[in-house]
C-alpha atoms as a PDB file:
ATOM      1  CA  MET A   1       0.000   0.000   0.000  1.00  0.00           C
ATOM      2  CA  CYS A   2       2.776   2.413   0.932  1.00  0.00           C
ATOM      3  CA  LEU A   3       4.667   1.639  -2.285  1.00  0.00           C
ATOM      4  CA  ILE A   4       1.574   2.374  -4.366  1.00  0.00           C
ATOM      5  CA  PHE A   5       1.192   5.692  -2.525  1.00  0.00           C
ATOM      6  CA  ILE A   6       4.850   6.631  -3.146  1.00  0.00           C
ATOM      7  CA  ASP A   7       4.706   5.499  -6.778  1.00  0.00           C
ATOM      8  CA  LYS A   8       1.639   7.672  -7.388  1.00  0.00           C
ATOM      9  CA  PHE A   9       3.381  10.803  -6.072  1.00  0.00           C
ATOM     10  CA  ARG A  10       6.462  10.095  -8.143  1.00  0.00           C
ATOM     11  CA  THR A  11       4.414  10.607 -11.296  1.00  0.00           C
ATOM     12  CA  ILE A  12       2.847  14.006 -10.528  1.00  0.00           C
ATOM     13  CA  ASN A  13       2.725  16.071 -13.707  1.00  0.00           C
ATOM     14  CA  LEU A  14       3.329  19.809 -13.992  1.00  0.00           C
ATOM     15  CA  THR A  15      -0.378  20.702 -14.141  1.00  0.00           C
ATOM     16  CA  GLU A  16      -1.055  18.886 -10.880  1.00  0.00           C
ATOM     17  CA  ILE A  17       1.923  20.591  -9.221  1.00  0.00           C
ATOM     18  CA  ALA A  18       0.613  23.998 -10.342  1.00  0.00           C
ATOM     19  CA  ILE A  19      -2.890  23.257  -9.057  1.00  0.00           C
ATOM     20  CA  ILE A  20      -1.565  22.008  -5.710  1.00  0.00           C
ATOM     21  CA  GLY A  21       0.658  25.088  -5.367  1.00  0.00           C
ATOM     22  CA  SER A  22      -2.188  27.464  -6.177  1.00  0.00           C
ATOM     23  CA  ALA A  23      -4.629  25.721  -3.855  1.00  0.00           C
ATOM     24  CA  SER A  24      -2.046  25.663  -1.059  1.00  0.00           C
ATOM     25  CA  PHE A  25      -1.391  29.391  -1.479  1.00  0.00           C
ATOM     26  CA  LEU A  26      -5.111  30.185  -1.415  1.00  0.00           C
ATOM     27  CA  LEU A  27      -5.608  28.016   1.679  1.00  0.00           C
ATOM     28  CA  ILE A  28      -2.739  29.740   3.519  1.00  0.00           C
ATOM     29  CA  PHE A  29      -4.008  33.151   2.425  1.00  0.00           C
ATOM     30  CA  LEU A  30      -7.479  32.254   3.747  1.00  0.00           C
ATOM     31  CA  ILE A  31      -6.032  31.163   7.091  1.00  0.00           C
ATOM     32  CA  VAL A  32      -4.008  34.381   7.358  1.00  0.00           C
ATOM     33  CA  ASN A  33      -7.148  36.420   6.642  1.00  0.00           C
ATOM     34  CA  ILE A  34      -9.124  34.515   9.276  1.00  0.00           C
ATOM     35  CA  CYS A  35      -6.365  35.182  11.796  1.00  0.00           C
ATOM     36  CA  ALA A  36      -6.320  38.860  10.799  1.00  0.00           C
ATOM     37  CA  TYR A  37     -10.070  39.022  11.444  1.00  0.00           C
ATOM     38  CA  ARG A  38      -9.680  37.436  14.859  1.00  0.00           C
ATOM     39  CA  LEU A  39      -6.866  39.880  15.711  1.00  0.00           C
ATOM     40  CA  SER A  40      -8.464  42.890  14.027  1.00  0.00           C
ATOM     41  CA  LYS A  41      -8.618  44.994  17.188  1.00  0.00           C
ATOM     42  CA  LYS A  42      -5.059  44.171  18.148  1.00  0.00           C
ATOM     43  CA  ILE A  43      -3.625  44.875  14.690  1.00  0.00           C
ATOM     44  CA  ASN A  44      -5.999  47.781  14.024  1.00  0.00           C
ATOM     45  CA  ALA A  45      -7.490  46.179  10.893  1.00  0.00           C
ATOM     46  CA  ASN A  46     -10.717  47.127   9.183  1.00  0.00           C
ATOM     47  CA  LYS A  47     -13.049  44.142   9.705  1.00  0.00           C
ATOM     48  CA  LEU A  48     -14.947  44.776   6.474  1.00  0.00           C
ATOM     49  CA  ILE A  49     -11.774  44.630   4.395  1.00  0.00           C
ATOM     50  CA  VAL A  50     -10.579  41.494   6.170  1.00  0.00           C
ATOM     51  CA  LEU A  51     -13.978  39.796   5.763  1.00  0.00           C
ATOM     52  CA  THR A  52     -13.969  40.728   2.079  1.00  0.00           C
ATOM     53  CA  ALA A  53     -10.498  39.200   1.730  1.00  0.00           C
ATOM     54  CA  CYS A  54     -11.746  36.035   3.488  1.00  0.00           C
ATOM     55  CA  PHE A  55     -14.734  35.821   1.148  1.00  0.00           C
ATOM     56  CA  VAL A  56     -12.601  36.349  -1.961  1.00  0.00           C
ATOM     57  CA  SER A  57     -10.031  33.795  -0.773  1.00  0.00           C
ATOM     58  CA  ILE A  58     -12.573  31.085  -0.019  1.00  0.00           C
ATOM     59  CA  THR A  59     -14.414  31.787  -3.279  1.00  0.00           C
ATOM     60  CA  ALA A  60     -11.190  31.516  -5.295  1.00  0.00           C
ATOM     61  CA  LEU A  61     -10.181  28.319  -3.474  1.00  0.00           C
ATOM     62  CA  PHE A  62     -13.615  26.768  -3.971  1.00  0.00           C
ATOM     63  CA  THR A  63     -13.643  27.760  -7.648  1.00  0.00           C
ATOM     64  CA  LEU A  64     -10.189  26.285  -8.225  1.00  0.00           C
ATOM     65  CA  LEU A  65     -11.056  23.033  -6.446  1.00  0.00           C
ATOM     66  CA  LEU A  66     -14.403  22.729  -8.243  1.00  0.00           C
ATOM     67  CA  GLN A  67     -12.852  23.332 -11.661  1.00  0.00           C
ATOM     68  CA  THR A  68     -10.041  20.913 -10.838  1.00  0.00           C
ATOM     69  CA  TYR A  69     -12.526  18.302  -9.642  1.00  0.00           C
ATOM     70  CA  PHE A  70     -14.119  18.202 -13.084  1.00  0.00           C
ATOM     71  CA  ASN A  71     -10.840  18.326 -15.034  1.00  0.00           C
ATOM     72  CA  ASN A  72      -8.221  16.531 -12.915  1.00  0.00           C
ATOM     73  CA  ARG A  73      -9.482  14.617  -9.904  1.00  0.00           C
ATOM     74  CA  THR A  74      -6.017  13.227  -9.217  1.00  0.00           C
ATOM     75  CA  ALA A  75      -4.805  16.718  -8.294  1.00  0.00           C
ATOM     76  CA  ILE A  76      -7.638  17.026  -5.757  1.00  0.00           C
ATOM     77  CA  TRP A  77      -6.651  13.767  -4.081  1.00  0.00           C
ATOM     78  CA  ILE A  78      -2.986  14.744  -4.038  1.00  0.00           C
ATOM     79  CA  PHE A  79      -3.860  18.146  -2.515  1.00  0.00           C
ATOM     80  CA  ILE A  80      -6.010  16.509   0.179  1.00  0.00           C
ATOM     81  CA  SER A  81      -3.231  13.974   0.837  1.00  0.00           C
ATOM     82  CA  PHE A  82      -0.663  16.759   1.274  1.00  0.00           C
ATOM     83  CA  ILE A  83      -2.945  18.566   3.720  1.00  0.00           C
ATOM     84  CA  MET A  84      -3.561  15.368   5.712  1.00  0.00           C
ATOM     85  CA  ILE A  85       0.160  14.515   5.790  1.00  0.00           C
ATOM     86  CA  SER A  86       0.887  18.054   7.035  1.00  0.00           C
ATOM     87  CA  ILE A  87      -1.713  17.787   9.798  1.00  0.00           C
ATOM     88  CA  ILE A  88      -0.460  14.364  10.875  1.00  0.00           C
ATOM     89  CA  PHE A  89       3.161  15.579  10.866  1.00  0.00           C
ATOM     90  CA  GLU A  90       2.273  18.674  12.883  1.00  0.00           C
ATOM     91  CA  PHE A  91       0.322  16.568  15.377  1.00  0.00           C
ATOM     92  CA  PHE A  92       3.198  14.157  16.013  1.00  0.00           C
ATOM     93  CA  TYR A  93       5.849  16.877  15.907  1.00  0.00           C
ATOM     94  CA  GLY A  94       3.852  18.918  18.403  1.00  0.00           C
ATOM     95  CA  ARG A  95       3.383  15.967  20.717  1.00  0.00           C
ATOM     96  CA  LEU A  96       6.915  14.582  20.537  1.00  0.00           C
ATOM     97  CA  VAL A  97       9.088  17.677  20.203  1.00  0.00           C
ATOM     98  CA  ARG A  98       7.125  20.550  21.752  1.00  0.00           C
ATOM     99  CA  LYS A  99       5.304  18.236  24.187  1.00  0.00           C
ATOM    100  CA  HIS A 100       1.927  19.759  23.296  1.00  0.00           C
ATOM    101  CA  PHE A 101      -0.222  20.365  20.224  1.00  0.00           C
ATOM    102  CA  PHE A 102      -2.339  23.505  20.538  1.00  0.00           C
ATOM    103  CA  ARG A 103      -1.716  24.708  24.064  1.00  0.00           C
ATOM    104  CA  ARG A 104      -0.305  28.209  24.307  1.00  0.00           C
ATOM    105  CA  PRO A 105       1.899  30.083  25.180  1.00  0.00           C
ATOM    106  CA  TYR A 106       5.165  28.570  24.043  1.00  0.00           C
ATOM    107  CA  LYS A 107       8.125  28.622  26.370  1.00  0.00           C
ATOM    108  CA  GLN A 108      10.445  31.480  25.527  1.00  0.00           C
ATOM    109  CA  ASN A 109      14.148  30.844  25.117  1.00  0.00           C
ATOM    110  CA  LYS A 110      16.313  33.120  27.269  1.00  0.00           C
ATOM    111  CA  TYR A 111      18.997  34.050  24.752  1.00  0.00           C
END
Protein backbone atom coordinates (compact mmCIF):
# COMPACT_ATOMS: atom_id res chain seq x y z
CA MET A 1 0.00 0.00 0.00
CA CYS A 2 2.78 2.41 0.93
CA LEU A 3 4.67 1.64 -2.28
CA ILE A 4 1.57 2.37 -4.37
CA PHE A 5 1.19 5.69 -2.53
CA ILE A 6 4.85 6.63 -3.15
CA ASP A 7 4.71 5.50 -6.78
CA LYS A 8 1.64 7.67 -7.39
CA PHE A 9 3.38 10.80 -6.07
CA ARG A 10 6.46 10.09 -8.14
CA THR A 11 4.41 10.61 -11.30
CA ILE A 12 2.85 14.01 -10.53
CA ASN A 13 2.73 16.07 -13.71
CA LEU A 14 3.33 19.81 -13.99
CA THR A 15 -0.38 20.70 -14.14
CA GLU A 16 -1.05 18.89 -10.88
CA ILE A 17 1.92 20.59 -9.22
CA ALA A 18 0.61 24.00 -10.34
CA ILE A 19 -2.89 23.26 -9.06
CA ILE A 20 -1.56 22.01 -5.71
CA GLY A 21 0.66 25.09 -5.37
CA SER A 22 -2.19 27.46 -6.18
CA ALA A 23 -4.63 25.72 -3.86
CA SER A 24 -2.05 25.66 -1.06
CA PHE A 25 -1.39 29.39 -1.48
CA LEU A 26 -5.11 30.18 -1.42
CA LEU A 27 -5.61 28.02 1.68
CA ILE A 28 -2.74 29.74 3.52
CA PHE A 29 -4.01 33.15 2.42
CA LEU A 30 -7.48 32.25 3.75
CA ILE A 31 -6.03 31.16 7.09
CA VAL A 32 -4.01 34.38 7.36
CA ASN A 33 -7.15 36.42 6.64
CA ILE A 34 -9.12 34.52 9.28
CA CYS A 35 -6.36 35.18 11.80
CA ALA A 36 -6.32 38.86 10.80
CA TYR A 37 -10.07 39.02 11.44
CA ARG A 38 -9.68 37.44 14.86
CA LEU A 39 -6.87 39.88 15.71
CA SER A 40 -8.46 42.89 14.03
CA LYS A 41 -8.62 44.99 17.19
CA LYS A 42 -5.06 44.17 18.15
CA ILE A 43 -3.62 44.87 14.69
CA ASN A 44 -6.00 47.78 14.02
CA ALA A 45 -7.49 46.18 10.89
CA ASN A 46 -10.72 47.13 9.18
CA LYS A 47 -13.05 44.14 9.70
CA LEU A 48 -14.95 44.78 6.47
CA ILE A 49 -11.77 44.63 4.40
CA VAL A 50 -10.58 41.49 6.17
CA LEU A 51 -13.98 39.80 5.76
CA THR A 52 -13.97 40.73 2.08
CA ALA A 53 -10.50 39.20 1.73
CA CYS A 54 -11.75 36.04 3.49
CA PHE A 55 -14.73 35.82 1.15
CA VAL A 56 -12.60 36.35 -1.96
CA SER A 57 -10.03 33.79 -0.77
CA ILE A 58 -12.57 31.08 -0.02
CA THR A 59 -14.41 31.79 -3.28
CA ALA A 60 -11.19 31.52 -5.29
CA LEU A 61 -10.18 28.32 -3.47
CA PHE A 62 -13.62 26.77 -3.97
CA THR A 63 -13.64 27.76 -7.65
CA LEU A 64 -10.19 26.28 -8.23
CA LEU A 65 -11.06 23.03 -6.45
CA LEU A 66 -14.40 22.73 -8.24
CA GLN A 67 -12.85 23.33 -11.66
CA THR A 68 -10.04 20.91 -10.84
CA TYR A 69 -12.53 18.30 -9.64
CA PHE A 70 -14.12 18.20 -13.08
CA ASN A 71 -10.84 18.33 -15.03
CA ASN A 72 -8.22 16.53 -12.91
CA ARG A 73 -9.48 14.62 -9.90
CA THR A 74 -6.02 13.23 -9.22
CA ALA A 75 -4.80 16.72 -8.29
CA ILE A 76 -7.64 17.03 -5.76
CA TRP A 77 -6.65 13.77 -4.08
CA ILE A 78 -2.99 14.74 -4.04
CA PHE A 79 -3.86 18.15 -2.51
CA ILE A 80 -6.01 16.51 0.18
CA SER A 81 -3.23 13.97 0.84
CA PHE A 82 -0.66 16.76 1.27
CA ILE A 83 -2.94 18.57 3.72
CA MET A 84 -3.56 15.37 5.71
CA ILE A 85 0.16 14.52 5.79
CA SER A 86 0.89 18.05 7.04
CA ILE A 87 -1.71 17.79 9.80
CA ILE A 88 -0.46 14.36 10.87
CA PHE A 89 3.16 15.58 10.87
CA GLU A 90 2.27 18.67 12.88
CA PHE A 91 0.32 16.57 15.38
CA PHE A 92 3.20 14.16 16.01
CA TYR A 93 5.85 16.88 15.91
CA GLY A 94 3.85 18.92 18.40
CA ARG A 95 3.38 15.97 20.72
CA LEU A 96 6.91 14.58 20.54
CA VAL A 97 9.09 17.68 20.20
CA ARG A 98 7.13 20.55 21.75
CA LYS A 99 5.30 18.24 24.19
CA HIS A 100 1.93 19.76 23.30
CA PHE A 101 -0.22 20.37 20.22
CA PHE A 102 -2.34 23.50 20.54
CA ARG A 103 -1.72 24.71 24.06
CA ARG A 104 -0.30 28.21 24.31
CA PRO A 105 1.90 30.08 25.18
CA TYR A 106 5.16 28.57 24.04
CA LYS A 107 8.12 28.62 26.37
CA GLN A 108 10.45 31.48 25.53
CA ASN A 109 14.15 30.84 25.12
CA LYS A 110 16.31 33.12 27.27
CA TYR A 111 19.00 34.05 24.75
